[in-house]
Amino acid sequence: MDDPLQCDLFGDAEDTLKAERFNLAIDGKIYAIDDVRSIRRSSSRKVGGDGICYTIRIGERIIQLYYEDPRWFVEELLSDELVS
């Protein structure tokens, strides 16, 4: 199993995920979240975490963003062309 990629979510408020209010930071790179497609409880099959899964869109990519209290993580790195 791969290791989850730790990330930070920052914006106006972390209790309500509004696409236009949040950015995602992974390895020092910042990505603007364009859209939240779904929110559900789920497990990551790739990295083994379990928590709330936010299916988000960054540019043309659909990404699974997980919140497992107290951390945020994604399953894979994003390409450099998506950096804001």
C-alpha atoms as a PDB file:
ATOM      1  CA  MET A   1       0.000   0.000   0.000  1.00  0.00           C
ATOM      2  CA  ASP A   2       1.243   3.514  -0.803  1.00  0.00           C
ATOM      3  CA  ASP A   3       1.625   6.182   1.866  1.00  0.00           C
ATOM      4  CA  PRO A   4      -1.046   8.906   1.972  1.00  0.00           C
ATOM      5  CA  LEU A   5       0.125  12.354   0.872  1.00  0.00           C
ATOM      6  CA  GLN A   6      -0.412  14.802   3.720  1.00  0.00           C
ATOM      7  CA  CYS A   7      -1.973  18.078   2.650  1.00  0.00           C
ATOM      8  CA  ASP A   8      -3.396  21.237   4.172  1.00  0.00           C
ATOM      9  CA  LEU A   9      -6.758  22.707   3.385  1.00  0.00           C
ATOM     10  CA  PHE A  10      -7.109  26.406   3.958  1.00  0.00           C
ATOM     11  CA  GLY A  11      -9.788  28.985   3.353  1.00  0.00           C
ATOM     12  CA  ASP A  12     -12.578  30.756   5.222  1.00  0.00           C
ATOM     13  CA  ALA A  13     -13.865  27.859   7.378  1.00  0.00           C
ATOM     14  CA  GLU A  14     -13.010  24.176   7.565  1.00  0.00           C
ATOM     15  CA  ASP A  15     -16.426  23.046   8.791  1.00  0.00           C
ATOM     16  CA  THR A  16     -18.157  23.712   5.445  1.00  0.00           C
ATOM     17  CA  LEU A  17     -16.263  22.868   2.265  1.00  0.00           C
ATOM     18  CA  LYS A  18     -17.235  25.436  -0.358  1.00  0.00           C
ATOM     19  CA  ALA A  19     -15.244  25.073  -3.570  1.00  0.00           C
ATOM     20  CA  GLU A  20     -14.776  28.774  -4.151  1.00  0.00           C
ATOM     21  CA  ARG A  21     -13.407  29.343  -0.628  1.00  0.00           C
ATOM     22  CA  PHE A  22     -10.676  26.722  -0.364  1.00  0.00           C
ATOM     23  CA  ASN A  23      -7.215  25.925  -1.640  1.00  0.00           C
ATOM     24  CA  LEU A  24      -5.266  22.718  -1.189  1.00  0.00           C
ATOM     25  CA  ALA A  25      -1.545  22.729  -0.365  1.00  0.00           C
ATOM     26  CA  ILE A  26       0.539  19.626  -1.115  1.00  0.00           C
ATOM     27  CA  ASP A  27       4.336  19.616  -0.832  1.00  0.00           C
ATOM     28  CA  GLY A  28       4.433  23.422  -0.864  1.00  0.00           C
ATOM     29  CA  LYS A  29       2.291  23.746  -4.009  1.00  0.00           C
ATOM     30  CA  ILE A  30      -1.117  25.413  -3.886  1.00  0.00           C
ATOM     31  CA  TYR A  31      -4.105  24.169  -5.885  1.00  0.00           C
ATOM     32  CA  ALA A  32      -7.445  25.969  -6.168  1.00  0.00           C
ATOM     33  CA  ILE A  33     -10.442  23.695  -5.677  1.00  0.00           C
ATOM     34  CA  ASP A  34     -12.815  24.395  -8.553  1.00  0.00           C
ATOM     35  CA  ASP A  35     -15.744  22.188  -7.574  1.00  0.00           C
ATOM     36  CA  VAL A  36     -16.888  19.705  -4.924  1.00  0.00           C
ATOM     37  CA  ARG A  37     -18.601  16.786  -6.658  1.00  0.00           C
ATOM     38  CA  SER A  38     -19.588  14.682  -3.634  1.00  0.00           C
ATOM     39  CA  ILE A  39     -19.035  14.200   0.095  1.00  0.00           C
ATOM     40  CA  ARG A  40     -19.320  10.753   1.678  1.00  0.00           C
ATOM     41  CA  ARG A  41     -17.813   8.474   4.312  1.00  0.00           C
ATOM     42  CA  SER A  42     -15.280   6.214   2.608  1.00  0.00           C
ATOM     43  CA  SER A  43     -12.026   4.302   2.902  1.00  0.00           C
ATOM     44  CA  SER A  44      -9.034   4.867   0.670  1.00  0.00           C
ATOM     45  CA  ARG A  45      -8.217   1.600  -1.059  1.00  0.00           C
ATOM     46  CA  LYS A  46      -4.864   2.908  -2.307  1.00  0.00           C
ATOM     47  CA  VAL A  47      -3.402   4.164   0.980  1.00  0.00           C
ATOM     48  CA  GLY A  48      -5.585   2.633   3.682  1.00  0.00           C
ATOM     49  CA  GLY A  49      -7.034   5.717   5.367  1.00  0.00           C
ATOM     50  CA  ASP A  50     -10.652   5.978   6.440  1.00  0.00           C
ATOM     51  CA  GLY A  51     -12.770   9.099   6.876  1.00  0.00           C
ATOM     52  CA  ILE A  52     -14.810  11.620   4.941  1.00  0.00           C
ATOM     53  CA  CYS A  53     -14.063  11.570   1.207  1.00  0.00           C
ATOM     54  CA  TYR A  54     -14.521  14.772  -0.789  1.00  0.00           C
ATOM     55  CA  THR A  55     -14.535  14.196  -4.535  1.00  0.00           C
ATOM     56  CA  ILE A  56     -13.187  17.484  -5.876  1.00  0.00           C
ATOM     57  CA  ARG A  57     -12.203  18.964  -9.214  1.00  0.00           C
ATOM     58  CA  ILE A  58      -8.941  20.835  -9.673  1.00  0.00           C
ATOM     59  CA  GLY A  59      -8.649  22.001 -13.259  1.00  0.00           C
ATOM     60  CA  GLU A  60      -9.663  19.003 -15.360  1.00  0.00           C
ATOM     61  CA  ARG A  61      -8.622  16.421 -12.732  1.00  0.00           C
ATOM     62  CA  ILE A  62     -11.024  14.678 -10.347  1.00  0.00           C
ATOM     63  CA  ILE A  63      -9.275  14.074  -7.007  1.00  0.00           C
ATOM     64  CA  GLN A  64     -10.285  12.161  -3.874  1.00  0.00           C
ATOM     65  CA  LEU A  65      -9.537  14.348  -0.820  1.00  0.00           C
ATOM     66  CA  TYR A  66      -9.898  12.606   2.560  1.00  0.00           C
ATOM     67  CA  TYR A  67     -10.389  14.014   6.030  1.00  0.00           C
ATOM     68  CA  GLU A  68      -9.368  11.620   8.796  1.00  0.00           C
ATOM     69  CA  ASP A  69      -9.467  13.662  12.005  1.00  0.00           C
ATOM     70  CA  PRO A  70      -7.158  15.557  12.471  1.00  0.00           C
ATOM     71  CA  ARG A  71      -5.481  15.245   9.039  1.00  0.00           C
ATOM     72  CA  TRP A  72      -6.252  15.788   5.363  1.00  0.00           C
ATOM     73  CA  PHE A  73      -4.714  13.571   2.690  1.00  0.00           C
ATOM     74  CA  VAL A  74      -4.900  12.690  -1.002  1.00  0.00           C
ATOM     75  CA  GLU A  75      -3.971   9.410  -2.682  1.00  0.00           C
ATOM     76  CA  GLU A  76      -1.776  10.779  -5.462  1.00  0.00           C
ATOM     77  CA  LEU A  77       0.344  13.770  -6.403  1.00  0.00           C
ATOM     78  CA  LEU A  78      -1.064  16.393  -8.726  1.00  0.00           C
ATOM     79  CA  SER A  79       0.812  17.500 -11.811  1.00  0.00           C
ATOM     80  CA  ASP A  80       2.601  20.848 -11.936  1.00  0.00           C
ATOM     81  CA  GLU A  81       0.297  22.280 -14.615  1.00  0.00           C
ATOM     82  CA  LEU A  82      -2.503  22.422 -12.020  1.00  0.00           C
ATOM     83  CA  VAL A  83      -0.615  24.747  -9.664  1.00  0.00           C
ATOM     84  CA  SER A  84      -2.386  28.071  -9.072  1.00  0.00           C
END
